[in-house]
């Protein structure tokens, strides 16, 4: 594992140390890694939401019903059989 040194104002350092104790982390590094993982997940979720919105805006509206799914499934099975 590589190291990354950061400088924090005393107020932030105290906050990190409090969180380590209150939330049961072993070290400040463990706490910071947790925060980074949370941020990574938030960024990835935001990307997924953006892609979903783009998908919704990408074409004509289709009313998805059970019948539509069955037709779609049958068409895909037929394509697989023909290939």
N, C-alpha and C. Protein backbone atom coordinates (compact mmCIF):
# COMPACT_ATOMS: atom_id res chain seq x y z
N UNK A 1 0.85 -1.17 0.00
CA UNK A 1 0.00 0.00 0.00
C UNK A 1 0.90 1.23 0.00
N UNK A 2 0.54 2.22 -0.79
CA UNK A 2 1.35 3.44 -0.83
C UNK A 2 0.80 4.47 0.16
N UNK A 3 1.62 5.46 0.44
CA UNK A 3 1.24 6.49 1.41
C UNK A 3 0.95 7.79 0.71
N UNK A 4 0.10 8.59 1.34
CA UNK A 4 -0.23 9.93 0.86
C UNK A 4 -0.30 10.81 2.09
N UNK A 5 0.57 11.77 2.15
CA UNK A 5 0.58 12.69 3.29
C UNK A 5 -0.26 13.90 2.96
N UNK A 6 -1.11 14.29 3.90
CA UNK A 6 -1.94 15.48 3.70
C UNK A 6 -1.80 16.40 4.91
N UNK A 7 -1.99 17.67 4.66
CA UNK A 7 -1.96 18.67 5.73
C UNK A 7 -3.38 19.09 6.03
N UNK A 8 -3.72 19.13 7.32
CA UNK A 8 -5.06 19.54 7.74
C UNK A 8 -4.94 20.64 8.78
N UNK A 9 -5.88 21.58 8.74
CA UNK A 9 -5.93 22.53 9.84
C UNK A 9 -6.23 21.77 11.14
N UNK A 10 -5.83 22.31 12.25
CA UNK A 10 -6.00 21.62 13.53
C UNK A 10 -7.45 21.23 13.79
N UNK A 11 -8.39 22.10 13.41
CA UNK A 11 -9.81 21.82 13.62
C UNK A 11 -10.23 20.55 12.86
N UNK A 12 -9.78 20.40 11.63
CA UNK A 12 -10.13 19.21 10.85
C UNK A 12 -9.45 17.96 11.41
N UNK A 13 -8.22 18.10 11.83
CA UNK A 13 -7.51 16.97 12.42
C UNK A 13 -8.23 16.48 13.68
N UNK A 14 -8.67 17.42 14.50
CA UNK A 14 -9.40 17.06 15.71
C UNK A 14 -10.70 16.35 15.36
N UNK A 15 -11.37 16.83 14.33
CA UNK A 15 -12.61 16.20 13.90
C UNK A 15 -12.35 14.77 13.45
N UNK A 16 -11.31 14.56 12.66
CA UNK A 16 -10.97 13.21 12.19
C UNK A 16 -10.68 12.31 13.39
N UNK A 17 -9.90 12.79 14.30
CA UNK A 17 -9.57 11.99 15.48
C UNK A 17 -10.81 11.64 16.29
N UNK A 18 -11.74 12.58 16.43
CA UNK A 18 -13.00 12.31 17.13
C UNK A 18 -13.80 11.23 16.41
N UNK A 19 -13.85 11.31 15.10
CA UNK A 19 -14.61 10.34 14.32
C UNK A 19 -14.00 8.94 14.42
N UNK A 20 -12.70 8.89 14.46
CA UNK A 20 -12.01 7.60 14.60
C UNK A 20 -12.47 6.92 15.88
N UNK A 21 -12.49 7.69 16.97
CA UNK A 21 -12.89 7.13 18.28
C UNK A 21 -14.38 6.82 18.29
N UNK A 22 -15.21 7.78 17.88
CA UNK A 22 -16.66 7.63 17.97
C UNK A 22 -17.20 6.53 17.06
N UNK A 23 -16.60 6.36 15.89
CA UNK A 23 -17.11 5.39 14.93
C UNK A 23 -16.36 4.06 14.97
N UNK A 24 -15.38 3.96 15.84
CA UNK A 24 -14.70 2.69 16.05
C UNK A 24 -13.67 2.32 15.01
N UNK A 25 -13.08 3.28 14.35
CA UNK A 25 -12.00 2.98 13.41
C UNK A 25 -10.71 2.76 14.18
N UNK A 26 -9.82 1.99 13.61
CA UNK A 26 -8.53 1.74 14.26
C UNK A 26 -7.58 2.91 14.12
N UNK A 27 -7.63 3.54 12.94
CA UNK A 27 -6.70 4.64 12.65
C UNK A 27 -7.40 5.70 11.82
N UNK A 28 -6.77 6.86 11.76
CA UNK A 28 -7.27 7.93 10.89
C UNK A 28 -7.25 7.47 9.44
N UNK A 29 -6.25 6.70 9.06
CA UNK A 29 -6.16 6.20 7.69
C UNK A 29 -7.36 5.35 7.33
N UNK A 30 -7.78 4.51 8.26
CA UNK A 30 -8.95 3.66 8.02
C UNK A 30 -10.20 4.53 7.80
N UNK A 31 -10.34 5.55 8.61
CA UNK A 31 -11.47 6.46 8.49
C UNK A 31 -11.45 7.19 7.14
N UNK A 32 -10.28 7.70 6.76
CA UNK A 32 -10.15 8.42 5.49
C UNK A 32 -10.43 7.48 4.32
N UNK A 33 -9.93 6.24 4.37
CA UNK A 33 -10.22 5.27 3.30
C UNK A 33 -11.73 5.04 3.19
N UNK A 34 -12.41 4.96 4.34
CA UNK A 34 -13.86 4.79 4.35
C UNK A 34 -14.54 5.97 3.64
N UNK A 35 -14.12 7.18 3.95
CA UNK A 35 -14.70 8.37 3.32
C UNK A 35 -14.46 8.36 1.81
N UNK A 36 -13.27 7.95 1.41
CA UNK A 36 -12.95 7.91 -0.03
C UNK A 36 -13.81 6.86 -0.73
N UNK A 37 -14.00 5.70 -0.11
CA UNK A 37 -14.87 4.66 -0.70
C UNK A 37 -16.30 5.19 -0.84
N UNK A 38 -16.79 5.89 0.18
CA UNK A 38 -18.14 6.47 0.10
C UNK A 38 -18.24 7.47 -1.05
N UNK A 39 -17.24 8.30 -1.21
CA UNK A 39 -17.25 9.29 -2.28
C UNK A 39 -17.19 8.61 -3.64
N UNK A 40 -16.38 7.58 -3.76
CA UNK A 40 -16.30 6.83 -5.02
C UNK A 40 -17.66 6.25 -5.37
N UNK A 41 -18.34 5.66 -4.38
CA UNK A 41 -19.67 5.10 -4.62
C UNK A 41 -20.66 6.19 -5.03
N UNK A 42 -20.57 7.36 -4.40
CA UNK A 42 -21.47 8.48 -4.73
C UNK A 42 -21.25 8.92 -6.17
N UNK A 43 -19.98 9.03 -6.58
CA UNK A 43 -19.65 9.45 -7.94
C UNK A 43 -20.14 8.41 -8.95
N UNK A 44 -19.94 7.13 -8.64
CA UNK A 44 -20.41 6.07 -9.54
C UNK A 44 -21.93 6.07 -9.64
N UNK A 45 -22.62 6.26 -8.53
CA UNK A 45 -24.08 6.33 -8.55
C UNK A 45 -24.55 7.50 -9.39
N UNK A 46 -23.87 8.63 -9.27
CA UNK A 46 -24.23 9.81 -10.06
C UNK A 46 -24.06 9.51 -11.55
N UNK A 47 -23.00 8.80 -11.93
CA UNK A 47 -22.78 8.43 -13.34
C UNK A 47 -23.91 7.53 -13.83
N UNK A 48 -24.30 6.55 -13.00
CA UNK A 48 -25.38 5.64 -13.38
C UNK A 48 -26.68 6.41 -13.58
N UNK A 49 -26.97 7.31 -12.65
CA UNK A 49 -28.19 8.11 -12.77
C UNK A 49 -28.17 8.96 -14.03
N UNK A 50 -27.01 9.52 -14.37
CA UNK A 50 -26.89 10.34 -15.58
C UNK A 50 -27.13 9.48 -16.82
N UNK A 51 -26.55 8.28 -16.85
CA UNK A 51 -26.76 7.39 -17.99
C UNK A 51 -28.22 6.98 -18.11
N UNK A 52 -28.87 6.72 -16.98
CA UNK A 52 -30.29 6.37 -17.01
C UNK A 52 -31.13 7.52 -17.55
N UNK A 53 -30.82 8.74 -17.12
CA UNK A 53 -31.55 9.91 -17.63
C UNK A 53 -31.32 10.09 -19.12
N UNK A 54 -30.08 9.89 -19.57
CA UNK A 54 -29.79 9.98 -21.00
C UNK A 54 -30.57 8.92 -21.77
N UNK A 55 -30.65 7.73 -21.20
CA UNK A 55 -31.41 6.66 -21.83
C UNK A 55 -32.89 7.01 -21.94
N UNK A 56 -33.44 7.59 -20.89
CA UNK A 56 -34.85 7.98 -20.92
C UNK A 56 -35.12 9.05 -21.96
N UNK A 57 -34.15 9.91 -22.20
CA UNK A 57 -34.31 11.00 -23.16
C UNK A 57 -33.85 10.64 -24.56
N UNK A 58 -33.47 9.39 -24.79
CA UNK A 58 -32.80 9.04 -26.05
C UNK A 58 -33.73 8.63 -27.19
N UNK A 59 -34.98 8.46 -26.96
CA UNK A 59 -35.83 8.02 -28.06
C UNK A 59 -37.29 8.12 -27.71
N UNK A 60 -38.08 7.48 -28.57
CA UNK A 60 -39.52 7.53 -28.34
C UNK A 60 -39.90 6.71 -27.11
N UNK A 61 -40.96 7.09 -26.50
CA UNK A 61 -41.44 6.42 -25.29
C UNK A 61 -42.07 5.09 -25.68
N UNK A 62 -41.73 4.04 -24.94
CA UNK A 62 -42.29 2.72 -25.16
C UNK A 62 -43.03 2.31 -23.90
N UNK A 63 -44.26 1.86 -24.06
CA UNK A 63 -45.03 1.37 -22.93
C UNK A 63 -44.61 -0.07 -22.68
N UNK A 64 -43.87 -0.30 -21.62
CA UNK A 64 -43.34 -1.63 -21.31
C UNK A 64 -44.38 -2.39 -20.49
N UNK A 65 -44.84 -3.50 -21.05
CA UNK A 65 -45.81 -4.35 -20.37
C UNK A 65 -45.25 -5.77 -20.35
N UNK A 66 -45.96 -6.66 -19.68
CA UNK A 66 -45.56 -8.07 -19.70
C UNK A 66 -45.57 -8.62 -21.12
N UNK A 67 -46.55 -8.20 -21.88
CA UNK A 67 -46.64 -8.65 -23.28
C UNK A 67 -45.43 -8.16 -24.08
N UNK A 68 -45.00 -6.91 -23.85
CA UNK A 68 -43.83 -6.37 -24.55
C UNK A 68 -42.60 -7.20 -24.22
N UNK A 69 -42.42 -7.55 -22.93
CA UNK A 69 -41.26 -8.35 -22.52
C UNK A 69 -41.29 -9.72 -23.19
N UNK A 70 -42.46 -10.33 -23.25
CA UNK A 70 -42.58 -11.65 -23.89
C UNK A 70 -42.22 -11.57 -25.37
N UNK A 71 -42.70 -10.53 -26.05
CA UNK A 71 -42.37 -10.35 -27.48
C UNK A 71 -40.87 -10.11 -27.66
N UNK A 72 -40.30 -9.32 -26.79
CA UNK A 72 -38.86 -9.03 -26.85
C UNK A 72 -38.06 -10.30 -26.63
N UNK A 73 -38.45 -11.07 -25.64
CA UNK A 73 -37.77 -12.34 -25.33
C UNK A 73 -37.86 -13.29 -26.52
N UNK A 74 -39.05 -13.41 -27.11
CA UNK A 74 -39.24 -14.30 -28.27
C UNK A 74 -38.38 -13.85 -29.44
N UNK A 75 -38.31 -12.55 -29.68
CA UNK A 75 -37.49 -12.03 -30.79
C UNK A 75 -36.01 -12.32 -30.56
N UNK A 76 -35.55 -12.16 -29.34
CA UNK A 76 -34.14 -12.44 -29.04
C UNK A 76 -33.82 -13.92 -29.17
N UNK A 77 -34.72 -14.76 -28.72
CA UNK A 77 -34.52 -16.21 -28.87
C UNK A 77 -34.46 -16.58 -30.34
N UNK A 78 -35.34 -15.99 -31.14
CA UNK A 78 -35.34 -16.25 -32.58
C UNK A 78 -34.02 -15.81 -33.21
N UNK A 79 -33.51 -14.65 -32.82
CA UNK A 79 -32.23 -14.17 -33.33
C UNK A 79 -31.10 -15.13 -32.98
N UNK A 80 -31.12 -15.64 -31.77
CA UNK A 80 -30.08 -16.59 -31.36
C UNK A 80 -30.15 -17.88 -32.16
N UNK A 81 -31.34 -18.34 -32.46
CA UNK A 81 -31.51 -19.56 -33.23
C UNK A 81 -31.04 -19.39 -34.68
N UNK A 82 -31.22 -18.19 -35.20
CA UNK A 82 -30.83 -17.92 -36.59
C UNK A 82 -29.34 -17.68 -36.75
N UNK A 83 -28.66 -17.37 -35.69
CA UNK A 83 -27.23 -17.07 -35.80
C UNK A 83 -26.35 -18.28 -35.58
